[in-house]
C-alpha atoms as a PDB file:
ATOM      1  CA  MET A   1       0.057   0.141  -0.090  1.00  0.00           C
ATOM      2  CA  SER A   2       1.461   3.531  -0.942  1.00  0.00           C
ATOM      3  CA  VAL A   3       1.021   6.676   1.126  1.00  0.00           C
ATOM      4  CA  SER A   4      -2.096   9.007  -0.547  1.00  0.00           C
ATOM      5  CA  LEU A   5      -0.600  11.858  -2.548  1.00  0.00           C
ATOM      6  CA  PHE A   6      -2.398  14.408  -0.524  1.00  0.00           C
ATOM      7  CA  LYS A   7      -0.056  13.477   2.408  1.00  0.00           C
ATOM      8  CA  ILE A   8       3.064  13.448  -0.060  1.00  0.00           C
ATOM      9  CA  SER A   9       2.053  17.086  -0.666  1.00  0.00           C
ATOM     10  CA  THR A  10       1.846  18.111   2.416  1.00  0.00           C
ATOM     11  CA  ILE A  11       4.625  16.977   3.181  1.00  0.00           C
ATOM     12  CA  LEU A  12       6.664  18.097   0.440  1.00  0.00           C
ATOM     13  CA  VAL A  13       5.427  21.880   1.459  1.00  0.00           C
ATOM     14  CA  GLU A  14       6.524  21.334   5.104  1.00  0.00           C
ATOM     15  CA  LEU A  15      10.198  20.175   3.737  1.00  0.00           C
ATOM     16  CA  LEU A  16      10.134  22.996   1.064  1.00  0.00           C
ATOM     17  CA  ARG A  17      10.061  25.452   3.970  1.00  0.00           C
ATOM     18  CA  GLU A  18      12.912  24.018   5.988  1.00  0.00           C
ATOM     19  CA  HIS A  19      15.589  23.038   2.709  1.00  0.00           C
ATOM     20  CA  ASN A  20      16.043  24.233  -0.722  1.00  0.00           C
ATOM     21  CA  ARG A  21      15.847  20.655  -2.664  1.00  0.00           C
ATOM     22  CA  VAL A  22      13.491  17.503  -1.822  1.00  0.00           C
ATOM     23  CA  SER A  23      14.368  14.431  -3.728  1.00  0.00           C
ATOM     24  CA  LEU A  24      11.056  12.929  -5.576  1.00  0.00           C
ATOM     25  CA  PRO A  25      12.714   9.461  -5.783  1.00  0.00           C
ATOM     26  CA  GLY A  26      13.201   8.184  -9.229  1.00  0.00           C
ATOM     27  CA  VAL A  27      11.361  11.181 -10.882  1.00  0.00           C
ATOM     28  CA  GLY A  28      13.636  13.979 -10.202  1.00  0.00           C
ATOM     29  CA  ALA A  29      13.913  16.683  -7.524  1.00  0.00           C
ATOM     30  CA  PHE A  30      12.078  20.163  -6.012  1.00  0.00           C
ATOM     31  CA  LYS A  31      14.486  22.801  -5.792  1.00  0.00           C
ATOM     32  CA  THR A  32      13.436  26.734  -4.318  1.00  0.00           C
ATOM     33  CA  GLU A  33      14.705  29.898  -4.830  1.00  0.00           C
ATOM     34  CA  TYR A  34      14.441  33.152  -2.819  1.00  0.00           C
ATOM     35  CA  LYS A  35      12.849  35.891  -4.815  1.00  0.00           C
ATOM     36  CA  PRO A  36      12.930  39.334  -3.047  1.00  0.00           C
ATOM     37  CA  ALA A  37      10.037  41.947  -2.663  1.00  0.00           C
ATOM     38  CA  THR A  38       8.812  43.181  -6.351  1.00  0.00           C
ATOM     39  CA  LEU A  39       7.401  46.273  -7.557  1.00  0.00           C
ATOM     40  CA  ILE A  40       4.398  45.491  -9.899  1.00  0.00           C
ATOM     41  CA  LYS A  41       1.646  47.361 -12.173  1.00  0.00           C
ATOM     42  CA  ASN A  42       4.153  50.509 -12.329  1.00  0.00           C
ATOM     43  CA  GLY A  43       5.465  51.072  -8.868  1.00  0.00           C
ATOM     44  CA  GLU A  44       1.723  51.384  -7.524  1.00  0.00           C
ATOM     45  CA  SER A  45       1.806  47.681  -6.048  1.00  0.00           C
ATOM     46  CA  LEU A  46       4.696  45.518  -3.868  1.00  0.00           C
ATOM     47  CA  LEU A  47       4.478  41.821  -3.824  1.00  0.00           C
ATOM     48  CA  PRO A  48       6.009  40.596  -0.419  1.00  0.00           C
ATOM     49  CA  PRO A  49       9.265  38.339  -0.631  1.00  0.00           C
ATOM     50  CA  SER A  50       8.810  34.510  -1.420  1.00  0.00           C
ATOM     51  CA  LYS A  51      10.000  31.137  -2.570  1.00  0.00           C
ATOM     52  CA  THR A  52       9.639  29.560  -6.476  1.00  0.00           C
ATOM     53  CA  VAL A  53       9.972  26.155  -7.350  1.00  0.00           C
ATOM     54  CA  GLU A  54      11.200  24.528 -10.516  1.00  0.00           C
ATOM     55  CA  PHE A  55      11.306  20.412 -10.809  1.00  0.00           C
ATOM     56  CA  ARG A  56      14.562  19.249 -11.897  1.00  0.00           C
ATOM     57  CA  GLU A  57      14.378  15.781 -13.602  1.00  0.00           C
ATOM     58  CA  GLU A  58      18.331  15.432 -13.949  1.00  0.00           C
ATOM     59  CA  GLU A  59      18.656  15.145 -10.569  1.00  0.00           C
ATOM     60  CA  VAL A  60      17.855  11.636 -10.073  1.00  0.00           C
ATOM     61  CA  TRP A  61      19.855  11.320  -6.832  1.00  0.00           C
ATOM     62  CA  ASN A  62      18.151  10.690  -3.314  1.00  0.00           C
ATOM     63  CA  ASP A  63      18.680  12.866  -0.030  1.00  0.00           C
ATOM     64  CA  GLY A  64      16.149  10.866   1.833  1.00  0.00           C
ATOM     65  CA  LEU A  65      14.182  13.545   3.493  1.00  0.00           C
ATOM     66  CA  LEU A  66      10.444  12.847   1.882  1.00  0.00           C
ATOM     67  CA  GLU A  67      10.959   9.045   3.406  1.00  0.00           C
ATOM     68  CA  ALA A  68      12.644  10.142   6.802  1.00  0.00           C
ATOM     69  CA  ARG A  69       9.450  12.797   7.001  1.00  0.00           C
ATOM     70  CA  VAL A  70       7.156  10.126   6.148  1.00  0.00           C
ATOM     71  CA  ALA A  71       8.317   7.493   8.850  1.00  0.00           C
ATOM     72  CA  ALA A  72       8.111   9.966  11.229  1.00  0.00           C
ATOM     73  CA  LYS A  73       4.615  10.971  10.460  1.00  0.00           C
ATOM     74  CA  GLU A  74       3.254   7.243   9.618  1.00  0.00           C
ATOM     75  CA  SER A  75       5.315   5.765  12.724  1.00  0.00           C
ATOM     76  CA  ILE A  76       6.297   2.789  10.352  1.00  0.00           C
ATOM     77  CA  SER A  77      10.304   2.090   9.651  1.00  0.00           C
ATOM     78  CA  LEU A  78      12.601   3.702   7.017  1.00  0.00           C
ATOM     79  CA  ASP A  79      11.865   0.434   5.066  1.00  0.00           C
ATOM     80  CA  ASP A  80       8.421   0.521   5.076  1.00  0.00           C
ATOM     81  CA  ALA A  81       8.347   4.254   4.172  1.00  0.00           C
ATOM     82  CA  LYS A  82      10.766   3.997   1.376  1.00  0.00           C
ATOM     83  CA  GLN A  83       8.949   1.112  -0.105  1.00  0.00           C
ATOM     84  CA  GLN A  84       5.274   3.068   0.032  1.00  0.00           C
ATOM     85  CA  VAL A  85       7.310   6.254  -1.332  1.00  0.00           C
ATOM     86  CA  ALA A  86       8.911   4.105  -4.118  1.00  0.00           C
ATOM     87  CA  GLN A  87       5.286   2.646  -5.103  1.00  0.00           C
ATOM     88  CA  LEU A  88       4.001   6.162  -5.171  1.00  0.00           C
ATOM     89  CA  THR A  89       6.895   7.903  -7.580  1.00  0.00           C
ATOM     90  CA  THR A  90       6.416   4.808  -9.616  1.00  0.00           C
ATOM     91  CA  GLU A  91       2.835   5.420 -10.581  1.00  0.00           C
ATOM     92  CA  ILE A  92       3.837   9.441 -10.797  1.00  0.00           C
ATOM     93  CA  GLN A  93       6.100   8.563 -13.538  1.00  0.00           C
ATOM     94  CA  THR A  94       3.809   6.005 -15.470  1.00  0.00           C
ATOM     95  CA  ALA A  95       1.152   8.851 -15.103  1.00  0.00           C
ATOM     96  CA  LEU A  96       3.590  11.659 -16.937  1.00  0.00           C
ATOM     97  CA  ASP A  97       4.383   9.343 -19.195  1.00  0.00           C
ATOM     98  CA  GLU A  98       1.108   8.856 -20.686  1.00  0.00           C
ATOM     99  CA  GLY A  99       0.826  12.336 -20.602  1.00  0.00           C
ATOM    100  CA  LYS A 100      -1.177  12.870 -17.705  1.00  0.00           C
ATOM    101  CA  HIS A 101      -1.024  15.922 -14.774  1.00  0.00           C
ATOM    102  CA  ILE A 102      -0.127  15.095 -11.410  1.00  0.00           C
ATOM    103  CA  GLU A 103      -2.550  17.472  -9.518  1.00  0.00           C
ATOM    104  CA  PHE A 104      -0.550  17.662  -5.763  1.00  0.00           C
ATOM    105  CA  PRO A 105      -2.886  19.100  -3.503  1.00  0.00           C
ATOM    106  CA  ASP A 106      -2.370  22.480  -2.272  1.00  0.00           C
ATOM    107  CA  PHE A 107       0.982  22.366  -3.440  1.00  0.00           C
ATOM    108  CA  GLY A 108       0.858  22.679  -7.957  1.00  0.00           C
ATOM    109  CA  THR A 109       0.394  20.617 -10.559  1.00  0.00           C
ATOM    110  CA  LEU A 110       3.245  18.556 -12.461  1.00  0.00           C
ATOM    111  CA  LEU A 111       3.601  17.738 -16.055  1.00  0.00           C
ATOM    112  CA  ILE A 112       5.439  17.101 -19.220  1.00  0.00           C
ATOM    113  CA  THR A 113       5.310  19.533 -22.084  1.00  0.00           C
ATOM    114  CA  THR A 114       5.706  18.991 -25.917  1.00  0.00           C
ATOM    115  CA  ASP A 115       9.246  19.157 -25.920  1.00  0.00           C
ATOM    116  CA  GLY A 116       9.650  16.728 -23.431  1.00  0.00           C
ATOM    117  CA  ASP A 117      10.532  19.078 -20.387  1.00  0.00           C
ATOM    118  CA  TYR A 118       9.073  18.164 -17.203  1.00  0.00           C
ATOM    119  CA  LEU A 119       7.351  21.418 -15.515  1.00  0.00           C
ATOM    120  CA  PHE A 120       6.079  22.584 -12.459  1.00  0.00           C
ATOM    121  CA  GLU A 121       3.340  25.200 -11.884  1.00  0.00           C
ATOM    122  CA  LYS A 122       3.087  25.984  -8.023  1.00  0.00           C
ATOM    123  CA  ASP A 123      -0.121  26.915  -6.344  1.00  0.00           C
ATOM    124  CA  ASP A 124      -0.310  30.886  -6.093  1.00  0.00           C
ATOM    125  CA  ASP A 125      -1.967  31.068  -2.826  1.00  0.00           C
ATOM    126  CA  LEU A 126       1.464  29.079  -1.619  1.00  0.00           C
ATOM    127  CA  ASN A 127       4.204  31.014   0.353  1.00  0.00           C
ATOM    128  CA  LEU A 128       6.738  28.804   1.056  1.00  0.00           C
ATOM    129  CA  LEU A 129       8.567  31.511   2.823  1.00  0.00           C
ATOM    130  CA  PRO A 130       8.080  31.485   6.502  1.00  0.00           C
ATOM    131  CA  GLU A 131       8.735  35.160   7.062  1.00  0.00           C
ATOM    132  CA  ALA A 132       6.179  36.258   4.768  1.00  0.00           C
ATOM    133  CA  PHE A 133       3.328  34.609   5.983  1.00  0.00           C
ATOM    134  CA  ASP A 134       0.437  37.058   6.003  1.00  0.00           C
ATOM    135  CA  LEU A 135       1.849  39.423   3.931  1.00  0.00           C
ATOM    136  CA  ASP A 136      -0.592  40.306   0.918  1.00  0.00           C
ATOM    137  CA  GLU A 137       0.167  42.761  -1.824  1.00  0.00           C
ATOM    138  CA  LEU A 138       0.658  46.218  -0.703  1.00  0.00           C
ATOM    139  CA  SER A 139      -0.906  49.094  -2.528  1.00  0.00           C
ATOM    140  CA  ILE A 140       1.618  52.471  -3.124  1.00  0.00           C
ATOM    141  CA  LYS A 141       0.060  55.731  -3.787  1.00  0.00           C
ATOM    142  CA  PRO A 142       1.479  58.588  -4.417  1.00  0.00           C
ATOM    143  CA  LEU A 143       1.808  61.912  -2.397  1.00  0.00           C
ATOM    144  CA  PRO A 144      -0.350  64.530  -3.561  1.00  0.00           C
ATOM    145  CA  LYS A 145       1.030  67.658  -4.663  1.00  0.00           C
ATOM    146  CA  THR A 146       1.116  70.540  -2.162  1.00  0.00           C
ATOM    147  CA  ALA A 147      -0.896  73.422  -4.098  1.00  0.00           C
ATOM    148  CA  THR A 148       0.795  76.674  -3.122  1.00  0.00           C
ATOM    149  CA  SER A 149      -1.087  79.899  -3.817  1.00  0.00           C
ATOM    150  CA  PRO A 150       1.025  82.985  -4.664  1.00  0.00           C
ATOM    151  CA  ILE A 151       0.839  86.093  -2.718  1.00  0.00           C
ATOM    152  CA  THR A 152       0.282  89.473  -4.320  1.00  0.00           C
ATOM    153  CA  ILE A 153       2.121  92.187  -2.634  1.00  0.00           C
ATOM    154  CA  GLN A 154       0.948  96.001  -4.053  1.00  0.00           C
ATOM    155  CA  ASN A 155       2.979  99.442  -3.001  1.00  0.00           C
ATOM    156  CA  PRO A 156       0.522 101.697  -1.440  1.00  0.00           C
ATOM    157  CA  GLU A 157      -0.793 105.052  -3.253  1.00  0.00           C
ATOM    158  CA  PRO A 158       1.827 107.597  -3.804  1.00  0.00           C
ATOM    159  CA  LEU A 159       2.031 110.180  -1.805  1.00  0.00           C
ATOM    160  CA  SER A 160       0.965 113.658  -2.840  1.00  0.00           C
ATOM    161  CA  GLY A 161       3.769 115.721  -4.446  1.00  0.00           C
ATOM    162  CA  SER A 162       5.918 112.804  -5.629  1.00  0.00           C
ATOM    163  CA  PRO A 163       5.571 111.475  -9.277  1.00  0.00           C
ATOM    164  CA  ILE A 164       3.228 108.833  -9.401  1.00  0.00           C
ATOM    165  CA  ILE A 165       4.256 104.998  -9.844  1.00  0.00           C
ATOM    166  CA  LYS A 166       2.952 102.364 -11.153  1.00  0.00           C
ATOM    167  CA  PRO A 167       1.313 100.051  -8.865  1.00  0.00           C
ATOM    168  CA  ILE A 168       4.299  96.878  -8.745  1.00  0.00           C
ATOM    169  CA  VAL A 169       2.571  93.008  -8.521  1.00  0.00           C
ATOM    170  CA  SER A 170       5.450  90.873  -7.502  1.00  0.00           C
ATOM    171  CA  THR A 171       4.461  86.737  -7.218  1.00  0.00           C
ATOM    172  CA  ILE A 172       6.362  85.093  -4.535  1.00  0.00           C
ATOM    173  CA  ASN A 173       6.274  80.916  -4.326  1.00  0.00           C
ATOM    174  CA  LYS A 174       6.083  80.346  -0.633  1.00  0.00           C
ATOM    175  CA  GLU A 175       7.904  76.645  -1.159  1.00  0.00           C
ATOM    176  CA  LYS A 176      11.067  78.339  -2.998  1.00  0.00           C
ATOM    177  CA  PRO A 177      13.059  80.742  -0.746  1.00  0.00           C
ATOM    178  CA  VAL A 178      15.283  83.408  -1.932  1.00  0.00           C
ATOM    179  CA  MET A 179      18.383  82.984  -2.831  1.00  0.00           C
ATOM    180  CA  ASP A 180      21.628  84.819  -1.559  1.00  0.00           C
ATOM    181  CA  ASN A 181      22.890  85.533  -4.769  1.00  0.00           C
ATOM    182  CA  SER A 182      26.672  87.113  -3.085  1.00  0.00           C
ATOM    183  CA  ARG A 183      26.952  83.481  -1.565  1.00  0.00           C
ATOM    184  CA  THR A 184      26.037  81.650  -4.403  1.00  0.00           C
ATOM    185  CA  ASN A 185      28.323  83.439  -6.985  1.00  0.00           C
ATOM    186  CA  ARG A 186      31.475  82.671  -4.372  1.00  0.00           C
ATOM    187  CA  TYR A 187      30.114  79.217  -4.495  1.00  0.00           C
ATOM    188  CA  ILE A 188      30.641  79.174  -8.326  1.00  0.00           C
ATOM    189  CA  ILE A 189      34.300  80.740  -7.575  1.00  0.00           C
ATOM    190  CA  ILE A 190      35.537  78.229  -5.641  1.00  0.00           C
ATOM    191  CA  THR A 191      33.732  75.429  -7.724  1.00  0.00           C
ATOM    192  CA  VAL A 192      35.711  76.664 -11.112  1.00  0.00           C
ATOM    193  CA  ALA A 193      38.771  77.745  -9.332  1.00  0.00           C
ATOM    194  CA  ILE A 194      38.836  73.716  -7.829  1.00  0.00           C
ATOM    195  CA  ILE A 195      38.460  72.133 -11.256  1.00  0.00           C
ATOM    196  CA  LEU A 196      41.112  74.732 -13.028  1.00  0.00           C
ATOM    197  CA  LEU A 197      43.406  73.182  -9.880  1.00  0.00           C
ATOM    198  CA  VAL A 198      42.750  69.852 -10.825  1.00  0.00           C
ATOM    199  CA  ALA A 199      43.295  70.321 -14.545  1.00  0.00           C
ATOM    200  CA  ALA A 200      46.571  72.022 -14.050  1.00  0.00           C
ATOM    201  CA  GLY A 201      47.216  69.364 -12.130  1.00  0.00           C
ATOM    202  CA  PHE A 202      46.818  66.365 -14.513  1.00  0.00           C
ATOM    203  CA  ALA A 203      48.202  68.440 -17.133  1.00  0.00           C
ATOM    204  CA  VAL A 204      51.337  68.600 -15.125  1.00  0.00           C
ATOM    205  CA  TYR A 205      51.350  64.735 -14.736  1.00  0.00           C
ATOM    206  CA  MET A 206      50.496  64.173 -18.151  1.00  0.00           C
ATOM    207  CA  VAL A 207      53.922  66.333 -18.953  1.00  0.00           C
ATOM    208  CA  TYR A 208      56.371  64.622 -16.458  1.00  0.00           C
ATOM    209  CA  ASP A 209      54.854  61.345 -17.430  1.00  0.00           C
ATOM    210  CA  HIS A 210      55.346  61.876 -21.723  1.00  0.00           C
ATOM    211  CA  TYR A 211      58.952  63.021 -20.699  1.00  0.00           C
ATOM    212  CA  HIS A 212      60.221  60.302 -18.308  1.00  0.00           C
ATOM    213  CA  SER A 213      58.912  57.685 -20.712  1.00  0.00           C
ATOM    214  CA  GLN A 214      60.929  59.093 -23.323  1.00  0.00           C
ATOM    215  CA  PRO A 215      64.053  57.099 -23.857  1.00  0.00           C
ATOM    216  CA  ALA A 216      67.023  58.473 -23.432  1.00  0.00           C
ATOM    217  CA  PRO A 217      68.959  60.318 -26.420  1.00  0.00           C
ATOM    218  CA  VAL A 218      71.315  58.724 -28.181  1.00  0.00           C
ATOM    219  CA  VAL A 219      74.604  60.389 -29.254  1.00  0.00           C
ATOM    220  CA  GLU A 220      76.351  59.191 -32.261  1.00  0.00           C
ATOM    221  CA  THR A 221      79.667  59.509 -32.685  1.00  0.00           C
ATOM    222  CA  THR A 222      81.938  58.528 -36.005  1.00  0.00           C
ATOM    223  CA  LEU A 223      84.901  58.014 -36.699  1.00  0.00           C
ATOM    224  CA  GLU A 224      85.643  61.519 -38.036  1.00  0.00           C
ATOM    225  CA  ASN A 225      84.905  63.130 -34.841  1.00  0.00           C
ATOM    226  CA  GLU A 226      87.677  61.266 -33.508  1.00  0.00           C
ATOM    227  CA  TYR A 227      89.747  60.831 -35.860  1.00  0.00           C
ATOM    228  CA  PRO A 228      89.877  63.324 -38.463  1.00  0.00           C
ATOM    229  CA  GLN A 229      92.117  61.611 -40.711  1.00  0.00           C
ATOM    230  CA  ALA A 230      89.929  58.597 -41.149  1.00  0.00           C
ATOM    231  CA  PRO A 231      87.692  57.713 -43.689  1.00  0.00           C
ATOM    232  CA  VAL A 232      83.622  58.130 -42.592  1.00  0.00           C
ATOM    233  CA  VAL A 233      82.641  54.135 -43.064  1.00  0.00           C
ATOM    234  CA  GLU A 234      78.745  53.950 -44.430  1.00  0.00           C
ATOM    235  CA  GLU A 235      75.903  51.367 -42.547  1.00  0.00           C
ATOM    236  CA  LEU A 236      75.054  48.759 -44.879  1.00  0.00           C
ATOM    237  CA  GLN A 237      71.399  49.537 -45.913  1.00  0.00           C
ATOM    238  CA  PRO A 238      69.513  45.704 -44.984  1.00  0.00           C
ATOM    239  CA  THR A 239      68.205  43.617 -48.618  1.00  0.00           C
ATOM    240  CA  PRO A 240      64.007  43.541 -47.924  1.00  0.00           C
ATOM    241  CA  ALA A 241      64.520  39.946 -48.334  1.00  0.00           C
ATOM    242  CA  VAL A 242      66.494  39.922 -45.019  1.00  0.00           C
ATOM    243  CA  SER A 243      64.628  42.546 -43.041  1.00  0.00           C
ATOM    244  CA  ALA A 244      63.903  41.756 -39.358  1.00  0.00           C
ATOM    245  CA  PRO A 245      59.820  42.287 -39.129  1.00  0.00           C
ATOM    246  CA  SER A 246      58.779  45.492 -37.668  1.00  0.00           C
ATOM    247  CA  ILE A 247      57.114  45.083 -33.942  1.00  0.00           C
ATOM    248  CA  GLU A 248      53.904  45.831 -35.163  1.00  0.00           C
ATOM    249  CA  GLU A 249      54.154  42.225 -36.854  1.00  0.00           C
ATOM    250  CA  LYS A 250      55.060  40.594 -33.923  1.00  0.00           C
ATOM    251  CA  LYS A 251      52.272  41.322 -31.539  1.00  0.00           C
ATOM    252  CA  PRO A 252      49.755  39.040 -31.176  1.00  0.00           C
ATOM    253  CA  VAL A 253      46.402  39.629 -32.577  1.00  0.00           C
ATOM    254  CA  ARG A 254      43.433  38.996 -29.633  1.00  0.00           C
ATOM    255  CA  HIS A 255      40.263  38.056 -30.116  1.00  0.00           C
ATOM    256  CA  ARG A 256      37.588  38.711 -28.031  1.00  0.00           C
ATOM    257  CA  GLY A 257      35.210  36.046 -27.256  1.00  0.00           C
ATOM    258  CA  ALA A 258      37.714  32.716 -27.551  1.00  0.00           C
ATOM    259  CA  ARG A 259      37.447  31.873 -23.777  1.00  0.00           C
ATOM    260  CA  LYS A 260      35.947  28.712 -23.274  1.00  0.00           C
ATOM    261  CA  ARG A 261      33.051  28.816 -20.975  1.00  0.00           C
ATOM    262  CA  GLN A 262      33.964  27.113 -17.896  1.00  0.00           C
ATOM    263  CA  TYR A 263      31.734  24.955 -15.215  1.00  0.00           C
ATOM    264  CA  TYR A 264      31.773  23.300 -12.453  1.00  0.00           C
ATOM    265  CA  HIS A 265      32.124  19.599 -12.370  1.00  0.00           C
ATOM    266  CA  VAL A 266      30.984  17.070  -9.741  1.00  0.00           C
ATOM    267  CA  ILE A 267      34.139  14.530  -9.960  1.00  0.00           C
ATOM    268  CA  LEU A 268      33.333  10.612  -9.575  1.00  0.00           C
ATOM    269  CA  GLY A 269      36.996   9.073  -9.920  1.00  0.00           C
ATOM    270  CA  ALA A 270      39.666   9.490 -12.107  1.00  0.00           C
ATOM    271  CA  TYR A 271      41.698   6.964 -13.935  1.00  0.00           C
ATOM    272  CA  SER A 272      45.631   6.775 -15.618  1.00  0.00           C
ATOM    273  CA  ASP A 273      44.033   4.900 -18.770  1.00  0.00           C
ATOM    274  CA  GLU A 274      40.816   5.999 -20.874  1.00  0.00           C
ATOM    275  CA  ALA A 275      39.921   2.386 -21.369  1.00  0.00           C
ATOM    276  CA  THR A 276      39.020   1.975 -17.360  1.00  0.00           C
ATOM    277  CA  ALA A 277      37.752   5.157 -17.156  1.00  0.00           C
ATOM    278  CA  GLU A 278      35.246   4.284 -19.858  1.00  0.00           C
ATOM    279  CA  MET A 279      34.391   1.123 -17.826  1.00  0.00           C
ATOM    280  CA  ALA A 280      34.077   3.099 -14.423  1.00  0.00           C
ATOM    281  CA  MET A 281      31.444   5.291 -16.331  1.00  0.00           C
ATOM    282  CA  ARG A 282      29.814   2.645 -17.637  1.00  0.00           C
ATOM    283  CA  GLU A 283      29.084   1.035 -14.373  1.00  0.00           C
ATOM    284  CA  GLN A 284      27.823   4.434 -13.127  1.00  0.00           C
ATOM    285  CA  LYS A 285      25.021   4.895 -15.876  1.00  0.00           C
ATOM    286  CA  SER A 286      23.712   1.220 -15.724  1.00  0.00           C
ATOM    287  CA  ALA A 287      23.415   1.736 -11.669  1.00  0.00           C
ATOM    288  CA  GLY A 288      21.431   4.958 -12.376  1.00  0.00           C
ATOM    289  CA  VAL A 289      23.981   7.402 -10.983  1.00  0.00           C
ATOM    290  CA  CYS A 290      24.292  10.005 -13.754  1.00  0.00           C
ATOM    291  CA  ASP A 291      22.504   9.638 -16.928  1.00  0.00           C
ATOM    292  CA  LYS A 292      25.147  12.066 -19.045  1.00  0.00           C
ATOM    293  CA  CYS A 293      27.853  11.129 -17.558  1.00  0.00           C
ATOM    294  CA  GLU A 294      31.240  12.124 -19.432  1.00  0.00           C
ATOM    295  CA  ILE A 295      34.744  12.092 -19.285  1.00  0.00           C
ATOM    296  CA  ILE A 296      37.211  15.031 -19.274  1.00  0.00           C
ATOM    297  CA  ARG A 297      41.181  14.324 -19.750  1.00  0.00           C
ATOM    298  CA  SER A 298      43.067  16.882 -16.994  1.00  0.00           C
ATOM    299  CA  GLY A 299      46.180  17.017 -15.697  1.00  0.00           C
ATOM    300  CA  GLY A 300      47.111  13.206 -17.807  1.00  0.00           C
ATOM    301  CA  GLN A 301      44.054  11.819 -16.027  1.00  0.00           C
ATOM    302  CA  TYR A 302      40.725  10.396 -17.591  1.00  0.00           C
ATOM    303  CA  LYS A 303      38.263  12.209 -15.061  1.00  0.00           C
ATOM    304  CA  ILE A 304      34.473  10.944 -14.617  1.00  0.00           C
ATOM    305  CA  SER A 305      32.172  13.676 -14.647  1.00  0.00           C
ATOM    306  CA  ALA A 306      28.585  12.949 -13.059  1.00  0.00           C
ATOM    307  CA  TYR A 307      27.235  16.313 -13.972  1.00  0.00           C
ATOM    308  CA  ARG A 308      28.569  20.174 -14.432  1.00  0.00           C
ATOM    309  CA  TYR A 309      26.890  23.560 -13.351  1.00  0.00           C
ATOM    310  CA  ARG A 310      27.640  26.894 -13.799  1.00  0.00           C
ATOM    311  CA  SER A 311      27.888  28.220 -10.524  1.00  0.00           C
ATOM    312  CA  ARG A 312      30.329  25.922  -7.549  1.00  0.00           C
ATOM    313  CA  SER A 313      27.618  26.239  -5.049  1.00  0.00           C
ATOM    314  CA  GLU A 314      25.032  24.390  -6.852  1.00  0.00           C
ATOM    315  CA  ALA A 315      28.150  21.718  -7.766  1.00  0.00           C
ATOM    316  CA  LYS A 316      28.509  21.953  -3.770  1.00  0.00           C
ATOM    317  CA  GLU A 317      25.449  20.622  -3.512  1.00  0.00           C
ATOM    318  CA  MET A 318      24.477  18.130  -5.209  1.00  0.00           C
ATOM    319  CA  LEU A 319      28.295  16.739  -4.281  1.00  0.00           C
ATOM    320  CA  ASN A 320      27.243  17.136  -0.573  1.00  0.00           C
ATOM    321  CA  GLY A 321      24.003  14.791  -1.714  1.00  0.00           C
ATOM    322  CA  PHE A 322      26.424  11.898  -2.977  1.00  0.00           C
ATOM    323  CA  LYS A 323      28.303  11.593   0.032  1.00  0.00           C
ATOM    324  CA  ARG A 324      24.855  11.472   2.350  1.00  0.00           C
ATOM    325  CA  THR A 325      23.801   9.048  -0.245  1.00  0.00           C
ATOM    326  CA  ASP A 326      26.345   6.350  -0.711  1.00  0.00           C
ATOM    327  CA  VAL A 327      29.930   5.904   1.543  1.00  0.00           C
ATOM    328  CA  GLU A 328      31.379   5.145  -1.757  1.00  0.00           C
ATOM    329  CA  TYR A 329      31.670   8.723  -3.464  1.00  0.00           C
ATOM    330  CA  LEU A 330      33.208  10.108   0.297  1.00  0.00           C
ATOM    331  CA  ASN A 331      36.000  10.394  -2.061  1.00  0.00           C
ATOM    332  CA  ALA A 332      34.344  12.946  -4.477  1.00  0.00           C
ATOM    333  CA  TRP A 333      35.107  16.195  -5.383  1.00  0.00           C
ATOM    334  CA  VAL A 334      34.197  19.546  -7.316  1.00  0.00           C
ATOM    335  CA  GLU A 335      36.591  20.823  -9.962  1.00  0.00           C
ATOM    336  CA  ARG A 336      36.483  23.930 -12.608  1.00  0.00           C
ATOM    337  CA  PHE A 337      36.799  22.943 -16.579  1.00  0.00           C
END
C-alpha cells in the first residue's frame, strides 16, 4: 500500500519551507529559490518576498528527506516508508509518461510539456517563505502634490507731490526661498577654482609622465669626430629579403570572446587509462547514478564527471547529496574545467 498523494503534498510543502531541495525518488527533485519583494503595476503595488519552485528531472540522486519524514509521520520503519514512497513515485512516473498531469493538493501541478521537459506550476496561494506569512500585496499611492497659492503685494498709494509710480505686482512662491546671489557666486567661483587646479595638476602629471617615458637620447659618434683623418664608414642598408619584422608584426592578435566557458563538475573518480575510465563510467550509468556522465581529460588523467553546473554552490550541493547517499562517493570532489 502506497502513501496517499495528499500526505505527500503536505510533507513536500513542509520540507521545502525548511530546505532548498527535496527529492522525489526515481523522478527528480524540487528546488526552491528566494525571490525578493517586487514592484508591479508601474510601481503602484508591492508583492511580498517569496520562494519560487522548479522541478529538475536530471537530479535523480535521493537525499532521503521525503522517506524519513513519511516514516516519522506514519510511525513506521524507514524501510516501509521507502517502499511506500517508491510505489507512489512509480505511479506518478507512469502517469507522466502517459501525458497526464499530477495534481499535488495545495502545492501545485507537475506535467511534461510537448517538448519532453518537466514543468511544475506552484499554487498561487502557496507561500513557502515563513518570514512572509500573512503578507499581502501592498498598494502604494503617490503623495498628493501641495498646492501653492501666490501672494500679491501692491505698493501703497503714492503721496501727494511725489511722482506717480505704477503699482508693482510680484508673485512669490512660499515654498521657494529667495537665493542669496552673493553666496551663490562665491560657491561658483570656489568650484571653478578647484576644477582649474585639478586640470592643471593633471596637465603637469601628463607632461612629467611623457618626459620620463621617452628613451634617453643616443649620442652617435663617428670615426670622423674622433679621428679626423680616418674615412667615414657608411652603414650598409639591409636588403628587403632579410629585413627584420616590425614591432607591429610581432604583436599577437587577440580576439574577444575566444575564451572557452568553464563549468563546475562533480568528479566521481580519476583514472590514468582511458579504457578503465570508460568502463567505470558505464558502471555508473547502469547503476542510475548519472544519465549524462562524461569523461574529461585533465592533468594527464581521465576524470568521470557526473554533472556540471555554472556555479560552485550548485555543484557543492550535488556533491553533498552524493556523500550523504553512499559511502562510495566520500572521495568525490568538485573541479572546474
